[in-house]
Amino acid sequence: MSRLPEIAHSERRAYPSDMSDAEWDILRPLLPPAKGFGRPRTVNLREILNAIFYVQRSGCQWEMLPHDLPPHETVYKYFQKWHRQGI
C-alpha cells in the first residue's frame, strides 16, 4: 500500500505533500468561489494548494517547483492573495 495520497483523475504522479481526496473535500468549501464575471478561472485550485504544500514541505524556492505543478508565478500569486485575505 502506497503512503502517497490518492488523487482522482490526476495527470501526474502524486507527491507526498499532495492532499488526499478527503482533505480536499474539507478545504474546497473554504476557498473563495470564482468571481462570476470577467475571465473564467483556468487554474485548478487543488493543484495550486498542492504546489503551496510542496514548497512548505520541501523547503524549495518558488522558482524550483516541479514542472508538472502549475507555474510558480501563478502559485505564488494565489499564495500572496490568500495570505492577505487570511485564508
N, C-alpha and C. Protein backbone atom coordinates (compact mmCIF):
# COMPACT_ATOMS: atom_id res chain seq x y z
N MET A 1 0.84 -1.18 0.00
CA MET A 1 0.00 0.00 0.00
C MET A 1 0.88 1.24 0.00
N SER A 2 0.62 2.15 -0.89
CA SER A 2 1.40 3.37 -1.01
C SER A 2 1.03 4.37 0.08
N ARG A 3 2.02 5.11 0.55
CA ARG A 3 1.77 6.15 1.54
C ARG A 3 1.38 7.47 0.87
N LEU A 4 1.47 7.52 -0.47
CA LEU A 4 1.11 8.72 -1.19
C LEU A 4 -0.40 8.85 -1.28
N PRO A 5 -0.94 10.07 -1.23
CA PRO A 5 -2.39 10.24 -1.30
C PRO A 5 -2.92 9.88 -2.67
N GLU A 6 -4.14 9.41 -2.68
CA GLU A 6 -4.82 9.11 -3.93
C GLU A 6 -5.37 10.42 -4.50
N ILE A 7 -5.19 10.64 -5.79
CA ILE A 7 -5.71 11.84 -6.44
C ILE A 7 -6.60 11.39 -7.58
N ALA A 8 -7.86 11.78 -7.50
CA ALA A 8 -8.81 11.39 -8.53
C ALA A 8 -8.48 12.12 -9.83
N HIS A 9 -8.47 11.41 -10.93
CA HIS A 9 -8.29 11.96 -12.27
C HIS A 9 -6.99 12.75 -12.40
N SER A 10 -5.96 12.29 -11.79
CA SER A 10 -4.68 13.01 -11.84
C SER A 10 -3.96 12.71 -13.14
N GLU A 11 -3.29 13.72 -13.66
CA GLU A 11 -2.48 13.56 -14.86
C GLU A 11 -1.01 13.42 -14.51
N ARG A 12 -0.70 13.38 -13.24
CA ARG A 12 0.68 13.28 -12.79
C ARG A 12 0.74 12.35 -11.60
N ARG A 13 1.96 11.92 -11.26
CA ARG A 13 2.14 11.10 -10.07
C ARG A 13 2.04 11.98 -8.84
N ALA A 14 1.54 11.43 -7.76
CA ALA A 14 1.35 12.20 -6.53
C ALA A 14 2.67 12.42 -5.81
N TYR A 15 2.80 13.58 -5.19
CA TYR A 15 3.91 13.88 -4.30
C TYR A 15 3.46 13.59 -2.88
N PRO A 16 4.38 13.32 -1.97
CA PRO A 16 3.98 13.06 -0.57
C PRO A 16 3.25 14.24 0.07
N SER A 17 3.46 15.44 -0.45
CA SER A 17 2.81 16.62 0.12
C SER A 17 1.41 16.87 -0.45
N ASP A 18 0.99 16.10 -1.44
CA ASP A 18 -0.33 16.31 -2.05
C ASP A 18 -1.46 15.99 -1.08
N MET A 19 -2.56 16.70 -1.26
CA MET A 19 -3.74 16.47 -0.44
C MET A 19 -4.44 15.19 -0.88
N SER A 20 -5.03 14.52 0.08
CA SER A 20 -5.88 13.38 -0.24
C SER A 20 -7.25 13.91 -0.66
N ASP A 21 -8.08 13.03 -1.20
CA ASP A 21 -9.43 13.44 -1.57
C ASP A 21 -10.21 13.92 -0.36
N ALA A 22 -10.03 13.27 0.78
CA ALA A 22 -10.74 13.67 2.00
C ALA A 22 -10.31 15.06 2.46
N GLU A 23 -9.00 15.33 2.39
CA GLU A 23 -8.51 16.66 2.77
C GLU A 23 -9.03 17.73 1.82
N TRP A 24 -9.08 17.43 0.53
CA TRP A 24 -9.59 18.37 -0.47
C TRP A 24 -11.07 18.65 -0.22
N ASP A 25 -11.83 17.63 0.15
CA ASP A 25 -13.26 17.83 0.44
C ASP A 25 -13.47 18.78 1.61
N ILE A 26 -12.53 18.80 2.56
CA ILE A 26 -12.63 19.71 3.71
C ILE A 26 -12.24 21.14 3.29
N LEU A 27 -11.18 21.28 2.50
CA LEU A 27 -10.68 22.60 2.15
C LEU A 27 -11.46 23.29 1.03
N ARG A 28 -12.03 22.54 0.12
CA ARG A 28 -12.70 23.13 -1.05
C ARG A 28 -13.75 24.18 -0.67
N PRO A 29 -14.64 23.94 0.30
CA PRO A 29 -15.65 24.96 0.62
C PRO A 29 -15.06 26.22 1.26
N LEU A 30 -13.84 26.16 1.76
CA LEU A 30 -13.23 27.31 2.42
C LEU A 30 -12.57 28.28 1.44
N LEU A 31 -12.40 27.85 0.20
CA LEU A 31 -11.77 28.69 -0.81
C LEU A 31 -12.80 29.61 -1.46
N PRO A 32 -12.38 30.82 -1.84
CA PRO A 32 -13.33 31.74 -2.47
C PRO A 32 -13.79 31.21 -3.83
N PRO A 33 -15.07 31.39 -4.13
CA PRO A 33 -15.56 30.94 -5.44
C PRO A 33 -15.06 31.86 -6.55
N ALA A 34 -15.19 31.39 -7.78
CA ALA A 34 -14.85 32.23 -8.92
C ALA A 34 -15.75 33.46 -8.91
N LYS A 35 -15.27 34.56 -9.45
CA LYS A 35 -15.99 35.83 -9.38
C LYS A 35 -17.34 35.80 -10.09
N GLY A 36 -17.45 35.09 -11.18
CA GLY A 36 -18.70 35.06 -11.92
C GLY A 36 -18.73 36.08 -13.04
N PHE A 37 -17.71 36.90 -13.13
CA PHE A 37 -17.60 37.86 -14.22
C PHE A 37 -16.13 37.94 -14.63
N GLY A 38 -15.88 38.54 -15.78
CA GLY A 38 -14.50 38.62 -16.25
C GLY A 38 -14.05 37.30 -16.83
N ARG A 39 -12.75 37.16 -16.89
CA ARG A 39 -12.18 35.94 -17.45
C ARG A 39 -12.42 34.77 -16.50
N PRO A 40 -12.89 33.63 -17.03
CA PRO A 40 -13.13 32.47 -16.15
C PRO A 40 -11.82 31.92 -15.59
N ARG A 41 -11.90 31.35 -14.42
CA ARG A 41 -10.72 30.75 -13.78
C ARG A 41 -10.28 29.54 -14.60
N THR A 42 -8.99 29.49 -14.88
CA THR A 42 -8.47 28.39 -15.69
C THR A 42 -7.55 27.48 -14.90
N VAL A 43 -7.24 27.84 -13.66
CA VAL A 43 -6.33 27.02 -12.87
C VAL A 43 -7.13 26.09 -11.96
N ASN A 44 -6.51 24.99 -11.63
CA ASN A 44 -7.10 24.02 -10.72
C ASN A 44 -6.63 24.39 -9.30
N LEU A 45 -7.56 24.82 -8.44
CA LEU A 45 -7.18 25.27 -7.10
C LEU A 45 -6.58 24.15 -6.27
N ARG A 46 -6.98 22.93 -6.53
CA ARG A 46 -6.37 21.81 -5.81
C ARG A 46 -4.89 21.71 -6.14
N GLU A 47 -4.53 21.90 -7.41
CA GLU A 47 -3.14 21.85 -7.81
C GLU A 47 -2.37 23.05 -7.26
N ILE A 48 -3.02 24.19 -7.15
CA ILE A 48 -2.38 25.36 -6.54
C ILE A 48 -2.04 25.04 -5.09
N LEU A 49 -2.99 24.48 -4.35
CA LEU A 49 -2.73 24.11 -2.96
C LEU A 49 -1.67 23.03 -2.86
N ASN A 50 -1.71 22.05 -3.75
CA ASN A 50 -0.68 21.01 -3.73
C ASN A 50 0.71 21.62 -3.93
N ALA A 51 0.81 22.62 -4.81
CA ALA A 51 2.09 23.27 -5.04
C ALA A 51 2.54 24.06 -3.81
N ILE A 52 1.60 24.76 -3.17
CA ILE A 52 1.94 25.50 -1.94
C ILE A 52 2.42 24.54 -0.87
N PHE A 53 1.72 23.42 -0.71
CA PHE A 53 2.13 22.43 0.28
C PHE A 53 3.48 21.80 -0.08
N TYR A 54 3.76 21.68 -1.37
CA TYR A 54 5.05 21.14 -1.81
C TYR A 54 6.18 22.07 -1.35
N VAL A 55 6.00 23.37 -1.57
CA VAL A 55 7.02 24.34 -1.15
C VAL A 55 7.18 24.30 0.36
N GLN A 56 6.06 24.26 1.08
CA GLN A 56 6.10 24.26 2.54
C GLN A 56 6.81 23.02 3.07
N ARG A 57 6.51 21.87 2.49
CA ARG A 57 7.08 20.62 3.00
C ARG A 57 8.53 20.42 2.57
N SER A 58 8.84 20.80 1.33
CA SER A 58 10.19 20.54 0.83
C SER A 58 11.16 21.67 1.17
N GLY A 59 10.63 22.86 1.39
CA GLY A 59 11.50 23.99 1.65
C GLY A 59 12.16 24.55 0.40
N CYS A 60 11.70 24.14 -0.77
CA CYS A 60 12.29 24.64 -2.00
C CYS A 60 11.86 26.08 -2.28
N GLN A 61 12.54 26.73 -3.17
CA GLN A 61 12.16 28.06 -3.59
C GLN A 61 10.99 27.96 -4.55
N TRP A 62 10.20 29.03 -4.64
CA TRP A 62 9.04 29.03 -5.54
C TRP A 62 9.46 28.69 -6.96
N GLU A 63 10.59 29.26 -7.39
CA GLU A 63 11.05 29.06 -8.76
C GLU A 63 11.47 27.62 -9.03
N MET A 64 11.64 26.82 -7.99
CA MET A 64 12.10 25.45 -8.16
C MET A 64 10.96 24.43 -8.09
N LEU A 65 9.72 24.90 -8.20
CA LEU A 65 8.60 23.96 -8.23
C LEU A 65 8.76 23.02 -9.43
N PRO A 66 8.42 21.76 -9.26
CA PRO A 66 8.49 20.83 -10.40
C PRO A 66 7.60 21.29 -11.56
N HIS A 67 7.98 20.93 -12.76
CA HIS A 67 7.28 21.38 -13.95
C HIS A 67 5.89 20.79 -14.11
N ASP A 68 5.58 19.73 -13.38
CA ASP A 68 4.24 19.16 -13.51
C ASP A 68 3.24 19.81 -12.56
N LEU A 69 3.68 20.79 -11.78
CA LEU A 69 2.77 21.61 -10.96
C LEU A 69 2.53 22.92 -11.72
N PRO A 70 1.52 23.70 -11.31
CA PRO A 70 1.28 24.97 -12.01
C PRO A 70 2.51 25.88 -11.96
N PRO A 71 2.58 26.87 -12.84
CA PRO A 71 3.73 27.78 -12.86
C PRO A 71 3.92 28.48 -11.52
N HIS A 72 5.17 28.66 -11.13
CA HIS A 72 5.46 29.23 -9.80
C HIS A 72 4.89 30.64 -9.65
N GLU A 73 4.82 31.40 -10.74
CA GLU A 73 4.25 32.74 -10.65
C GLU A 73 2.77 32.68 -10.25
N THR A 74 2.05 31.75 -10.83
CA THR A 74 0.63 31.59 -10.53
C THR A 74 0.43 31.11 -9.10
N VAL A 75 1.22 30.13 -8.70
CA VAL A 75 1.10 29.59 -7.34
C VAL A 75 1.39 30.67 -6.31
N TYR A 76 2.47 31.43 -6.53
CA TYR A 76 2.85 32.47 -5.57
C TYR A 76 1.81 33.59 -5.53
N LYS A 77 1.21 33.91 -6.69
CA LYS A 77 0.16 34.93 -6.74
C LYS A 77 -1.02 34.53 -5.85
N TYR A 78 -1.45 33.27 -5.97
CA TYR A 78 -2.55 32.78 -5.13
C TYR A 78 -2.13 32.75 -3.66
N PHE A 79 -0.91 32.33 -3.38
CA PHE A 79 -0.42 32.29 -2.01
C PHE A 79 -0.47 33.68 -1.39
N GLN A 80 0.04 34.69 -2.09
CA GLN A 80 0.03 36.06 -1.58
C GLN A 80 -1.39 36.56 -1.36
N LYS A 81 -2.25 36.32 -2.33
CA LYS A 81 -3.63 36.79 -2.25
C LYS A 81 -4.35 36.16 -1.06
N TRP A 82 -4.24 34.85 -0.91
CA TRP A 82 -4.91 34.17 0.19
C TRP A 82 -4.30 34.55 1.53
N HIS A 83 -3.01 34.79 1.58
CA HIS A 83 -2.35 35.21 2.82
C HIS A 83 -2.89 36.57 3.25
N ARG A 84 -2.98 37.51 2.32
CA ARG A 84 -3.52 38.84 2.63
C ARG A 84 -4.97 38.76 3.11
N GLN A 85 -5.76 37.85 2.54
CA GLN A 85 -7.16 37.71 2.90
C GLN A 85 -7.38 36.86 4.15
N GLY A 86 -6.31 36.27 4.66
CA GLY A 86 -6.43 35.44 5.86
C GLY A 86 -7.03 34.06 5.60
N ILE A 87 -6.93 33.60 4.36
CA ILE A 87 -7.49 32.30 4.01
C ILE A 87 -6.47 31.22 4.29
